[in-house]
Amino acid sequence: MSLIKLTIKGISYSQTQSGAYALVLSEMDGKRTLPIIIGAFEAQSIAIALEKEIRPPRPLTHDLFKTFADRYSINIKQVIIHKLVDGVFFSSLISEKDGKDEVIDTRTSDAIALAVRFDAPIYTYESILDKAGIYLKIEDELSIEDSEFESDQFITELISETSEEISKDKTLKELYQELDAAVANENYELAAKIRDEISKRS
């Protein structure tokens, strides 16, 4: 059975499970999307890996896995979402060390978080897309239940629920200093807001 390559299209708040998120994958050469329910931690981990400007001062669990794998020359070659049972997706990591491939069972959310860090492709089978895929009504439609957002908005929408406001009177230099301090203190909510304010002025 041939594999179909997927890409991360977005993350939306789950409409069915409180405190959860829907990771939306899209087939590269088609219009079907595959929504997968994941937890808040995994959603944040994927978002941070995709974010270009905010880097946590201490490694998250998936960052630690990446560092560990790099240290021992282990590479993640690809992720395969290979089974769907009662609404639960099952995935495998295809890893390689010293020219030998290994298949490791993993939760799909963890697999995607690692795929982003290893720049590894994500695949699934036609049968799974037929069973769980959703066709977009128009090619450029980005909304999944009106709550999906693009990758450069992941951090802001996912973890920016802080009540702290950014002063409009502060200079760019002051904002950059506050951004560094927020990241150092692992206050990603505030860091996201400062980042957005800097982007508005750039």
N, C-alpha and C. Protein backbone atom coordinates (compact mmCIF):
# COMPACT_ATOMS: atom_id res chain seq x y z
N MET A 1 0.85 -1.19 0.00
CA MET A 1 0.00 0.00 0.00
C MET A 1 0.89 1.25 0.00
N SER A 2 0.63 2.16 -0.91
CA SER A 2 1.49 3.34 -1.04
C SER A 2 1.25 4.34 0.07
N LEU A 3 2.30 5.07 0.41
CA LEU A 3 2.23 6.08 1.45
C LEU A 3 1.89 7.43 0.85
N ILE A 4 1.15 8.23 1.61
CA ILE A 4 0.78 9.59 1.20
C ILE A 4 1.45 10.57 2.14
N LYS A 5 2.18 11.52 1.57
CA LYS A 5 2.91 12.49 2.38
C LYS A 5 1.97 13.57 2.90
N LEU A 6 2.17 13.92 4.17
CA LEU A 6 1.35 14.92 4.83
C LEU A 6 2.21 16.11 5.27
N THR A 7 1.56 17.23 5.46
CA THR A 7 2.22 18.40 6.01
C THR A 7 1.35 18.98 7.13
N ILE A 8 1.97 19.69 8.05
CA ILE A 8 1.22 20.30 9.14
C ILE A 8 0.52 21.54 8.63
N LYS A 9 -0.79 21.53 8.71
CA LYS A 9 -1.58 22.66 8.21
C LYS A 9 -1.94 23.64 9.32
N GLY A 10 -2.17 23.13 10.51
CA GLY A 10 -2.52 24.02 11.60
C GLY A 10 -2.87 23.28 12.86
N ILE A 11 -3.14 24.06 13.90
CA ILE A 11 -3.60 23.52 15.16
C ILE A 11 -4.82 24.33 15.57
N SER A 12 -5.86 23.65 15.97
CA SER A 12 -7.06 24.36 16.40
C SER A 12 -7.49 23.86 17.76
N TYR A 13 -8.25 24.66 18.47
CA TYR A 13 -8.81 24.21 19.73
C TYR A 13 -9.83 23.12 19.43
N SER A 14 -9.78 22.05 20.19
CA SER A 14 -10.71 20.94 19.98
C SER A 14 -12.12 21.36 20.36
N GLN A 15 -13.06 21.08 19.48
CA GLN A 15 -14.47 21.39 19.75
C GLN A 15 -15.16 20.26 20.50
N THR A 16 -14.47 19.14 20.65
CA THR A 16 -15.10 17.97 21.27
C THR A 16 -14.51 17.61 22.62
N GLN A 17 -13.24 17.99 22.87
CA GLN A 17 -12.60 17.64 24.13
C GLN A 17 -12.02 18.89 24.79
N SER A 18 -12.47 19.18 25.97
CA SER A 18 -12.00 20.36 26.70
C SER A 18 -10.52 20.22 27.04
N GLY A 19 -9.76 21.28 26.80
CA GLY A 19 -8.35 21.28 27.13
C GLY A 19 -7.47 20.58 26.10
N ALA A 20 -8.08 20.11 25.03
CA ALA A 20 -7.31 19.42 23.98
C ALA A 20 -7.28 20.26 22.71
N TYR A 21 -6.45 19.82 21.77
CA TYR A 21 -6.29 20.54 20.51
C TYR A 21 -6.40 19.56 19.35
N ALA A 22 -6.74 20.09 18.19
CA ALA A 22 -6.77 19.28 16.98
C ALA A 22 -5.59 19.68 16.11
N LEU A 23 -4.68 18.74 15.93
CA LEU A 23 -3.56 18.92 15.01
C LEU A 23 -4.08 18.57 13.62
N VAL A 24 -4.00 19.50 12.70
CA VAL A 24 -4.56 19.29 11.37
C VAL A 24 -3.44 19.05 10.37
N LEU A 25 -3.41 17.86 9.80
CA LEU A 25 -2.45 17.49 8.77
C LEU A 25 -3.15 17.52 7.42
N SER A 26 -2.40 17.85 6.39
CA SER A 26 -2.97 17.95 5.05
C SER A 26 -2.12 17.17 4.06
N GLU A 27 -2.77 16.46 3.15
CA GLU A 27 -1.99 15.72 2.15
C GLU A 27 -1.32 16.71 1.20
N MET A 28 -0.09 16.39 0.80
CA MET A 28 0.71 17.30 -0.02
C MET A 28 0.09 17.51 -1.40
N ASP A 29 -0.42 16.44 -1.99
CA ASP A 29 -0.93 16.52 -3.36
C ASP A 29 -2.43 16.29 -3.41
N GLY A 30 -3.15 16.94 -2.53
CA GLY A 30 -4.60 16.78 -2.52
C GLY A 30 -5.24 17.79 -1.59
N LYS A 31 -6.54 17.62 -1.38
CA LYS A 31 -7.30 18.58 -0.58
C LYS A 31 -7.81 18.00 0.73
N ARG A 32 -7.43 16.78 1.05
CA ARG A 32 -7.91 16.18 2.28
C ARG A 32 -7.06 16.59 3.47
N THR A 33 -7.71 16.75 4.60
CA THR A 33 -7.01 17.03 5.84
C THR A 33 -7.31 15.94 6.85
N LEU A 34 -6.40 15.77 7.79
CA LEU A 34 -6.52 14.73 8.80
C LEU A 34 -6.42 15.39 10.17
N PRO A 35 -7.54 15.60 10.86
CA PRO A 35 -7.49 16.19 12.20
C PRO A 35 -7.22 15.12 13.26
N ILE A 36 -6.25 15.41 14.15
CA ILE A 36 -5.87 14.46 15.19
C ILE A 36 -5.92 15.18 16.53
N ILE A 37 -6.66 14.64 17.49
CA ILE A 37 -6.77 15.25 18.80
C ILE A 37 -5.49 14.99 19.60
N ILE A 38 -4.88 16.06 20.14
CA ILE A 38 -3.66 15.93 20.93
C ILE A 38 -3.80 16.77 22.20
N GLY A 39 -2.92 16.53 23.14
CA GLY A 39 -2.94 17.25 24.40
C GLY A 39 -2.29 18.61 24.29
N ALA A 40 -2.49 19.43 25.33
CA ALA A 40 -1.96 20.79 25.33
C ALA A 40 -0.43 20.80 25.32
N PHE A 41 0.20 19.90 26.09
CA PHE A 41 1.67 19.87 26.13
C PHE A 41 2.24 19.56 24.75
N GLU A 42 1.69 18.56 24.08
CA GLU A 42 2.19 18.18 22.76
C GLU A 42 1.93 19.29 21.75
N ALA A 43 0.76 19.94 21.86
CA ALA A 43 0.46 21.05 20.96
C ALA A 43 1.47 22.18 21.14
N GLN A 44 1.78 22.49 22.40
CA GLN A 44 2.76 23.55 22.66
C GLN A 44 4.14 23.15 22.15
N SER A 45 4.51 21.88 22.33
CA SER A 45 5.81 21.40 21.88
C SER A 45 5.95 21.50 20.36
N ILE A 46 4.90 21.14 19.64
CA ILE A 46 4.92 21.26 18.19
C ILE A 46 4.99 22.72 17.78
N ALA A 47 4.22 23.56 18.46
CA ALA A 47 4.20 24.99 18.14
C ALA A 47 5.57 25.63 18.35
N ILE A 48 6.22 25.30 19.46
CA ILE A 48 7.52 25.87 19.75
C ILE A 48 8.56 25.41 18.73
N ALA A 49 8.47 24.16 18.30
CA ALA A 49 9.41 23.65 17.29
C ALA A 49 9.24 24.37 15.96
N LEU A 50 8.01 24.77 15.65
CA LEU A 50 7.74 25.48 14.39
C LEU A 50 8.06 26.97 14.50
N GLU A 51 8.06 27.50 15.71
CA GLU A 51 8.30 28.92 15.92
C GLU A 51 9.76 29.26 15.65
N LYS A 52 9.99 30.38 14.96
CA LYS A 52 11.36 30.74 14.58
C LYS A 52 12.03 31.70 15.55
N GLU A 53 11.25 32.44 16.32
CA GLU A 53 11.84 33.49 17.13
C GLU A 53 11.95 33.15 18.61
N ILE A 54 11.07 32.32 19.13
CA ILE A 54 11.07 32.02 20.55
C ILE A 54 11.70 30.65 20.79
N ARG A 55 12.73 30.63 21.61
CA ARG A 55 13.40 29.40 21.96
C ARG A 55 13.44 29.26 23.47
N PRO A 56 12.96 28.16 24.01
CA PRO A 56 12.99 27.99 25.47
C PRO A 56 14.43 27.88 25.96
N PRO A 57 14.74 28.49 27.12
CA PRO A 57 16.11 28.44 27.65
C PRO A 57 16.52 27.05 28.10
N ARG A 58 15.54 26.21 28.46
CA ARG A 58 15.81 24.83 28.82
C ARG A 58 15.05 23.92 27.87
N PRO A 59 15.64 22.78 27.51
CA PRO A 59 14.99 21.92 26.51
C PRO A 59 13.70 21.30 27.01
N LEU A 60 12.69 21.29 26.13
CA LEU A 60 11.47 20.53 26.40
C LEU A 60 11.79 19.04 26.21
N THR A 61 10.85 18.18 26.57
CA THR A 61 11.09 16.75 26.48
C THR A 61 11.48 16.31 25.07
N HIS A 62 10.80 16.84 24.06
CA HIS A 62 11.12 16.45 22.69
C HIS A 62 12.45 17.04 22.23
N ASP A 63 12.82 18.21 22.76
CA ASP A 63 14.14 18.77 22.48
C ASP A 63 15.23 17.88 23.07
N LEU A 64 14.98 17.38 24.28
CA LEU A 64 15.94 16.49 24.93
C LEU A 64 16.12 15.21 24.12
N PHE A 65 15.01 14.67 23.62
CA PHE A 65 15.10 13.47 22.78
C PHE A 65 15.95 13.75 21.54
N LYS A 66 15.75 14.91 20.93
CA LYS A 66 16.52 15.26 19.73
C LYS A 66 18.01 15.37 20.06
N THR A 67 18.34 16.03 21.17
CA THR A 67 19.74 16.17 21.57
C THR A 67 20.36 14.81 21.85
N PHE A 68 19.61 13.97 22.56
CA PHE A 68 20.08 12.62 22.88
C PHE A 68 20.35 11.83 21.60
N ALA A 69 19.40 11.89 20.67
CA ALA A 69 19.55 11.15 19.41
C ALA A 69 20.74 11.66 18.61
N ASP A 70 20.90 12.98 18.56
CA ASP A 70 22.05 13.55 17.84
C ASP A 70 23.37 13.10 18.46
N ARG A 71 23.42 13.09 19.79
CA ARG A 71 24.66 12.72 20.49
C ARG A 71 25.08 11.30 20.16
N TYR A 72 24.09 10.42 19.97
CA TYR A 72 24.40 9.02 19.70
C TYR A 72 24.14 8.64 18.24
N SER A 73 24.12 9.66 17.38
CA SER A 73 24.04 9.46 15.92
C SER A 73 22.82 8.64 15.50
N ILE A 74 21.69 8.96 16.11
CA ILE A 74 20.42 8.33 15.74
C ILE A 74 19.61 9.36 14.96
N ASN A 75 19.09 8.96 13.82
CA ASN A 75 18.30 9.88 13.01
C ASN A 75 16.88 9.35 12.84
N ILE A 76 15.92 10.25 12.93
CA ILE A 76 14.53 9.89 12.62
C ILE A 76 14.31 10.16 11.14
N LYS A 77 14.09 9.12 10.37
CA LYS A 77 13.97 9.25 8.92
C LYS A 77 12.57 9.65 8.48
N GLN A 78 11.56 9.10 9.14
CA GLN A 78 10.18 9.42 8.77
C GLN A 78 9.22 8.95 9.85
N VAL A 79 8.02 9.49 9.79
CA VAL A 79 6.93 9.11 10.68
C VAL A 79 5.81 8.54 9.81
N ILE A 80 5.24 7.44 10.25
CA ILE A 80 4.13 6.83 9.51
C ILE A 80 2.94 6.66 10.45
N ILE A 81 1.83 7.30 10.11
CA ILE A 81 0.57 7.08 10.83
C ILE A 81 -0.06 5.87 10.17
N HIS A 82 0.00 4.73 10.84
CA HIS A 82 -0.29 3.47 10.15
C HIS A 82 -1.60 2.80 10.53
N LYS A 83 -2.27 3.29 11.58
CA LYS A 83 -3.50 2.60 12.00
C LYS A 83 -4.43 3.58 12.69
N LEU A 84 -5.74 3.34 12.53
CA LEU A 84 -6.77 4.12 13.19
C LEU A 84 -7.79 3.15 13.79
N VAL A 85 -7.89 3.16 15.13
CA VAL A 85 -8.80 2.25 15.82
C VAL A 85 -9.63 3.04 16.81
N ASP A 86 -10.93 3.03 16.64
CA ASP A 86 -11.85 3.72 17.55
C ASP A 86 -11.47 5.19 17.75
N GLY A 87 -11.07 5.84 16.67
CA GLY A 87 -10.73 7.25 16.73
C GLY A 87 -9.33 7.55 17.21
N VAL A 88 -8.54 6.52 17.52
CA VAL A 88 -7.17 6.71 18.00
C VAL A 88 -6.20 6.35 16.89
N PHE A 89 -5.27 7.29 16.60
CA PHE A 89 -4.26 7.06 15.58
C PHE A 89 -3.03 6.40 16.19
N PHE A 90 -2.46 5.44 15.47
CA PHE A 90 -1.24 4.76 15.89
C PHE A 90 -0.14 5.11 14.89
N SER A 91 1.05 5.39 15.41
CA SER A 91 2.14 5.83 14.55
C SER A 91 3.43 5.10 14.86
N SER A 92 4.35 5.20 13.92
CA SER A 92 5.68 4.62 14.08
C SER A 92 6.74 5.63 13.67
N LEU A 93 7.84 5.62 14.42
CA LEU A 93 9.04 6.36 14.02
C LEU A 93 9.96 5.39 13.30
N ILE A 94 10.43 5.79 12.14
CA ILE A 94 11.44 4.99 11.44
C ILE A 94 12.77 5.66 11.73
N SER A 95 13.58 5.00 12.55
CA SER A 95 14.86 5.58 12.95
C SER A 95 16.00 4.82 12.27
N GLU A 96 17.16 5.48 12.26
CA GLU A 96 18.32 4.86 11.60
C GLU A 96 19.58 5.16 12.41
N LYS A 97 20.38 4.13 12.62
CA LYS A 97 21.68 4.27 13.27
C LYS A 97 22.66 3.28 12.64
N ASP A 98 23.79 3.80 12.22
CA ASP A 98 24.82 2.96 11.59
C ASP A 98 24.28 2.16 10.42
N GLY A 99 23.39 2.79 9.65
CA GLY A 99 22.88 2.14 8.46
C GLY A 99 21.78 1.13 8.71
N LYS A 100 21.36 0.97 9.96
CA LYS A 100 20.32 -0.01 10.28
C LYS A 100 19.05 0.72 10.70
N ASP A 101 17.92 0.34 10.08
CA ASP A 101 16.63 0.95 10.39
C ASP A 101 15.94 0.21 11.52
N GLU A 102 15.26 0.98 12.36
CA GLU A 102 14.44 0.43 13.44
C GLU A 102 13.07 1.09 13.41
N VAL A 103 12.04 0.33 13.74
CA VAL A 103 10.69 0.85 13.80
C VAL A 103 10.27 0.94 15.27
N ILE A 104 9.86 2.14 15.70
CA ILE A 104 9.51 2.37 17.10
C ILE A 104 8.07 2.85 17.19
N ASP A 105 7.26 2.15 17.97
CA ASP A 105 5.88 2.58 18.18
C ASP A 105 5.84 3.86 19.01
N THR A 106 4.93 4.76 18.69
CA THR A 106 4.86 6.03 19.40
C THR A 106 3.46 6.62 19.30
N ARG A 107 3.12 7.49 20.23
CA ARG A 107 1.89 8.26 20.09
C ARG A 107 2.07 9.21 18.90
N THR A 108 1.00 9.45 18.19
CA THR A 108 1.09 10.31 17.00
C THR A 108 1.53 11.72 17.37
N SER A 109 1.05 12.25 18.48
CA SER A 109 1.44 13.61 18.88
C SER A 109 2.94 13.70 19.12
N ASP A 110 3.52 12.69 19.79
CA ASP A 110 4.97 12.68 20.01
C ASP A 110 5.72 12.52 18.70
N ALA A 111 5.18 11.67 17.83
CA ALA A 111 5.83 11.44 16.54
C ALA A 111 5.91 12.73 15.73
N ILE A 112 4.83 13.52 15.72
CA ILE A 112 4.82 14.77 14.96
C ILE A 112 5.78 15.77 15.59
N ALA A 113 5.79 15.86 16.93
CA ALA A 113 6.70 16.78 17.61
C ALA A 113 8.15 16.46 17.29
N LEU A 114 8.47 15.19 17.15
CA LEU A 114 9.83 14.80 16.80
C LEU A 114 10.10 14.99 15.31
N ALA A 115 9.11 14.71 14.48
CA ALA A 115 9.28 14.89 13.03
C ALA A 115 9.66 16.34 12.70
N VAL A 116 9.02 17.29 13.38
CA VAL A 116 9.33 18.70 13.15
C VAL A 116 10.78 18.98 13.51
N ARG A 117 11.25 18.42 14.62
CA ARG A 117 12.62 18.68 15.07
C ARG A 117 13.67 18.01 14.19
N PHE A 118 13.34 16.85 13.64
CA PHE A 118 14.28 16.14 12.78
C PHE A 118 14.09 16.48 11.30
N ASP A 119 13.13 17.35 11.01
CA ASP A 119 12.79 17.67 9.63
C ASP A 119 12.48 16.39 8.85
N ALA A 120 11.75 15.50 9.51
CA ALA A 120 11.41 14.21 8.91
C ALA A 120 10.03 14.27 8.27
N PRO A 121 9.85 13.61 7.15
CA PRO A 121 8.53 13.60 6.49
C PRO A 121 7.51 12.78 7.27
N ILE A 122 6.25 13.15 7.11
CA ILE A 122 5.13 12.47 7.78
C ILE A 122 4.27 11.81 6.71
N TYR A 123 3.95 10.54 6.91
CA TYR A 123 3.15 9.80 5.93
C TYR A 123 1.97 9.10 6.59
N THR A 124 1.00 8.78 5.78
CA THR A 124 -0.09 7.90 6.19
C THR A 124 -0.52 7.09 4.98
N TYR A 125 -1.52 6.22 5.18
CA TYR A 125 -2.01 5.37 4.10
C TYR A 125 -3.34 5.89 3.56
N GLU A 126 -3.61 5.54 2.32
CA GLU A 126 -4.85 5.94 1.66
C GLU A 126 -6.07 5.52 2.46
N SER A 127 -6.01 4.33 3.03
CA SER A 127 -7.16 3.80 3.78
C SER A 127 -7.48 4.68 4.99
N ILE A 128 -6.45 5.24 5.63
CA ILE A 128 -6.68 6.10 6.80
C ILE A 128 -7.27 7.44 6.36
N LEU A 129 -6.77 7.98 5.27
CA LEU A 129 -7.34 9.24 4.75
C LEU A 129 -8.78 9.03 4.31
N ASP A 130 -9.05 7.88 3.71
CA ASP A 130 -10.43 7.59 3.29
C ASP A 130 -11.36 7.51 4.51
N LYS A 131 -10.83 6.98 5.59
CA LYS A 131 -11.63 6.76 6.79
C LYS A 131 -11.81 8.02 7.62
N ALA A 132 -10.73 8.82 7.74
CA ALA A 132 -10.76 9.96 8.68
C ALA A 132 -10.49 11.30 8.03
N GLY A 133 -10.17 11.31 6.74
CA GLY A 133 -9.84 12.57 6.08
C GLY A 133 -11.07 13.44 5.85
N ILE A 134 -10.82 14.75 5.80
CA ILE A 134 -11.87 15.73 5.53
C ILE A 134 -11.48 16.49 4.28
N TYR A 135 -12.38 16.58 3.31
CA TYR A 135 -12.11 17.35 2.10
C TYR A 135 -12.37 18.83 2.37
N LEU A 136 -11.42 19.68 1.96
CA LEU A 136 -11.65 21.12 2.04
C LEU A 136 -12.57 21.53 0.90
N LYS A 137 -13.48 22.43 1.19
CA LYS A 137 -14.45 22.85 0.17
C LYS A 137 -13.81 23.72 -0.89
N ILE A 138 -12.81 24.53 -0.47
CA ILE A 138 -12.09 25.33 -1.45
C ILE A 138 -10.61 25.15 -1.19
N GLU A 139 -9.82 25.28 -2.22
CA GLU A 139 -8.40 24.92 -2.14
C GLU A 139 -7.65 25.72 -1.11
N ASP A 140 -7.94 27.01 -1.00
CA ASP A 140 -7.17 27.85 -0.10
C ASP A 140 -7.85 28.04 1.25
N GLU A 141 -8.85 27.21 1.57
CA GLU A 141 -9.55 27.34 2.85
C GLU A 141 -8.61 26.94 3.99
N LEU A 142 -8.53 27.76 5.02
CA LEU A 142 -7.64 27.47 6.14
C LEU A 142 -8.41 27.17 7.41
N SER A 143 -9.71 27.37 7.41
CA SER A 143 -10.48 27.26 8.64
C SER A 143 -10.97 25.85 8.88
N ILE A 144 -10.63 25.28 10.04
CA ILE A 144 -11.19 24.03 10.49
C ILE A 144 -12.06 24.38 11.70
N GLU A 145 -13.37 24.31 11.52
CA GLU A 145 -14.32 24.73 12.54
C GLU A 145 -14.05 26.16 12.99
N ASP A 146 -13.62 26.99 12.04
CA ASP A 146 -13.41 28.42 12.25
C ASP A 146 -12.37 28.74 13.32
N SER A 147 -11.46 27.80 13.63
CA SER A 147 -10.51 28.10 14.70
C SER A 147 -9.07 27.75 14.37
N GLU A 148 -8.80 27.32 13.15
CA GLU A 148 -7.43 26.98 12.80
C GLU A 148 -6.62 28.24 12.55
N PHE A 149 -5.32 28.14 12.76
CA PHE A 149 -4.47 29.29 12.50
C PHE A 149 -3.17 28.81 11.88
N GLU A 150 -2.44 29.72 11.23
CA GLU A 150 -1.23 29.36 10.52
C GLU A 150 -0.04 29.25 11.45
N SER A 151 1.08 28.68 10.94
CA SER A 151 2.21 28.33 11.79
C SER A 151 2.81 29.51 12.52
N ASP A 152 2.88 30.69 11.90
CA ASP A 152 3.49 31.82 12.58
C ASP A 152 2.60 32.38 13.67
N GLN A 153 1.39 31.84 13.81
CA GLN A 153 0.50 32.26 14.88
C GLN A 153 0.35 31.20 15.96
N PHE A 154 1.00 30.05 15.79
CA PHE A 154 0.82 28.94 16.72
C PHE A 154 1.08 29.35 18.16
N ILE A 155 2.24 29.92 18.42
CA ILE A 155 2.62 30.24 19.80
C ILE A 155 1.63 31.22 20.40
N THR A 156 1.31 32.28 19.66
CA THR A 156 0.42 33.30 20.20
C THR A 156 -0.95 32.74 20.55
N GLU A 157 -1.57 32.03 19.63
CA GLU A 157 -2.92 31.52 19.86
C GLU A 157 -2.95 30.37 20.85
N LEU A 158 -1.86 29.61 20.92
CA LEU A 158 -1.84 28.41 21.74
C LEU A 158 -1.58 28.69 23.21
N ILE A 159 -0.69 29.63 23.50
CA ILE A 159 -0.28 29.82 24.89
C ILE A 159 -0.43 31.25 25.37
N SER A 160 -0.95 32.15 24.55
CA SER A 160 -1.09 33.54 24.98
C SER A 160 -2.46 33.78 25.61
N GLU A 161 -2.61 33.38 26.85
CA GLU A 161 -3.83 33.63 27.58
C GLU A 161 -3.54 34.48 28.80
N THR A 162 -2.36 35.12 28.81
CA THR A 162 -1.97 35.97 29.93
C THR A 162 -2.72 37.29 29.86
N SER A 163 -2.91 37.91 31.00
CA SER A 163 -3.58 39.20 31.05
C SER A 163 -2.58 40.35 30.94
N GLU A 164 -1.28 40.01 30.90
CA GLU A 164 -0.27 41.06 30.82
C GLU A 164 -0.34 41.75 29.47
N GLU A 165 -0.35 43.07 29.50
CA GLU A 165 -0.41 43.84 28.27
C GLU A 165 0.95 44.46 27.97
N ILE A 166 1.22 44.67 26.70
CA ILE A 166 2.49 45.25 26.28
C ILE A 166 2.31 46.75 26.10
N SER A 167 3.15 47.51 26.75
CA SER A 167 3.06 48.96 26.66
C SER A 167 3.44 49.42 25.26
N LYS A 168 2.61 50.28 24.67
CA LYS A 168 2.88 50.81 23.33
C LYS A 168 3.95 51.89 23.35
N ASP A 169 4.29 52.35 24.56
CA ASP A 169 5.26 53.44 24.68
C ASP A 169 6.70 52.95 24.70
N LYS A 170 6.91 51.65 24.83
CA LYS A 170 8.27 51.13 24.94
C LYS A 170 8.96 51.10 23.59
N THR A 171 10.27 51.33 23.62
CA THR A 171 11.06 51.32 22.39
C THR A 171 11.30 49.88 21.96
N LEU A 172 11.73 49.73 20.71
CA LEU A 172 12.06 48.39 20.22
C LEU A 172 13.17 47.75 21.04
N LYS A 173 14.15 48.56 21.43
CA LYS A 173 15.25 48.03 22.24
C LYS A 173 14.73 47.49 23.55
N GLU A 174 13.81 48.23 24.18
CA GLU A 174 13.24 47.78 25.45
C GLU A 174 12.41 46.51 25.25
N LEU A 175 11.70 46.44 24.13
CA LEU A 175 10.90 45.25 23.86
C LEU A 175 11.78 44.02 23.66
N TYR A 176 12.88 44.18 22.95
CA TYR A 176 13.80 43.06 22.74
C TYR A 176 14.39 42.61 24.08
N GLN A 177 14.69 43.55 24.95
CA GLN A 177 15.22 43.19 26.27
C GLN A 177 14.18 42.42 27.08
N GLU A 178 12.92 42.89 26.99
CA GLU A 178 11.85 42.21 27.71
C GLU A 178 11.57 40.83 27.12
N LEU A 179 11.72 40.71 25.79
CA LEU A 179 11.54 39.41 25.14
C LEU A 179 12.57 38.42 25.64
N ASP A 180 13.84 38.86 25.71
CA ASP A 180 14.90 37.98 26.21
C ASP A 180 14.63 37.56 27.65
N ALA A 181 14.16 38.50 28.46
CA ALA A 181 13.89 38.20 29.86
C ALA A 181 12.71 37.23 30.00
N ALA A 182 11.68 37.43 29.18
CA ALA A 182 10.51 36.55 29.25
C ALA A 182 10.87 35.12 28.86
N VAL A 183 11.68 34.97 27.82
CA VAL A 183 12.10 33.63 27.39
C VAL A 183 12.99 33.00 28.46
N ALA A 184 13.89 33.79 29.02
CA ALA A 184 14.78 33.28 30.07
C ALA A 184 13.98 32.79 31.28
N ASN A 185 12.87 33.45 31.56
CA ASN A 185 12.01 33.06 32.68
C ASN A 185 10.96 32.03 32.29
N GLU A 186 11.03 31.58 31.03
CA GLU A 186 10.09 30.58 30.50
C GLU A 186 8.65 31.07 30.55
N ASN A 187 8.48 32.39 30.43
CA ASN A 187 7.14 32.98 30.38
C ASN A 187 6.78 33.14 28.90
N TYR A 188 6.39 32.03 28.26
CA TYR A 188 6.17 32.03 26.82
C TYR A 188 4.93 32.82 26.42
N GLU A 189 3.96 32.91 27.33
CA GLU A 189 2.77 33.71 27.03
C GLU A 189 3.15 35.17 26.81
N LEU A 190 3.92 35.71 27.75
CA LEU A 190 4.35 37.10 27.63
C LEU A 190 5.30 37.27 26.46
N ALA A 191 6.19 36.31 26.26
CA ALA A 191 7.14 36.39 25.15
C ALA A 191 6.42 36.45 23.81
N ALA A 192 5.34 35.68 23.68
CA ALA A 192 4.57 35.68 22.43
C ALA A 192 3.96 37.05 22.17
N LYS A 193 3.43 37.67 23.21
CA LYS A 193 2.82 38.99 23.04
C LYS A 193 3.87 40.04 22.67
N ILE A 194 5.04 39.97 23.33
CA ILE A 194 6.11 40.92 23.00
C ILE A 194 6.57 40.70 21.57
N ARG A 195 6.71 39.42 21.17
CA ARG A 195 7.13 39.10 19.81
C ARG A 195 6.17 39.69 18.79
N ASP A 196 4.88 39.59 19.07
CA ASP A 196 3.87 40.10 18.15
C ASP A 196 3.93 41.63 18.07
N GLU A 197 4.17 42.28 19.21
CA GLU A 197 4.29 43.73 19.21
C GLU A 197 5.50 44.19 18.40
N ILE A 198 6.61 43.45 18.51
CA ILE A 198 7.81 43.76 17.72
C ILE A 198 7.51 43.58 16.24
N SER A 199 6.79 42.50 15.91
CA SER A 199 6.46 42.24 14.50
C SER A 199 5.60 43.34 13.91
N LYS A 200 4.68 43.88 14.70
CA LYS A 200 3.82 44.96 14.22
C LYS A 200 4.61 46.20 13.85
N ARG A 201 5.70 46.43 14.59
CA ARG A 201 6.49 47.64 14.37
C ARG A 201 7.55 47.45 13.29
N SER A 202 7.82 46.22 12.92
CA SER A 202 8.89 45.96 11.94
C SER A 202 8.38 46.16 10.51
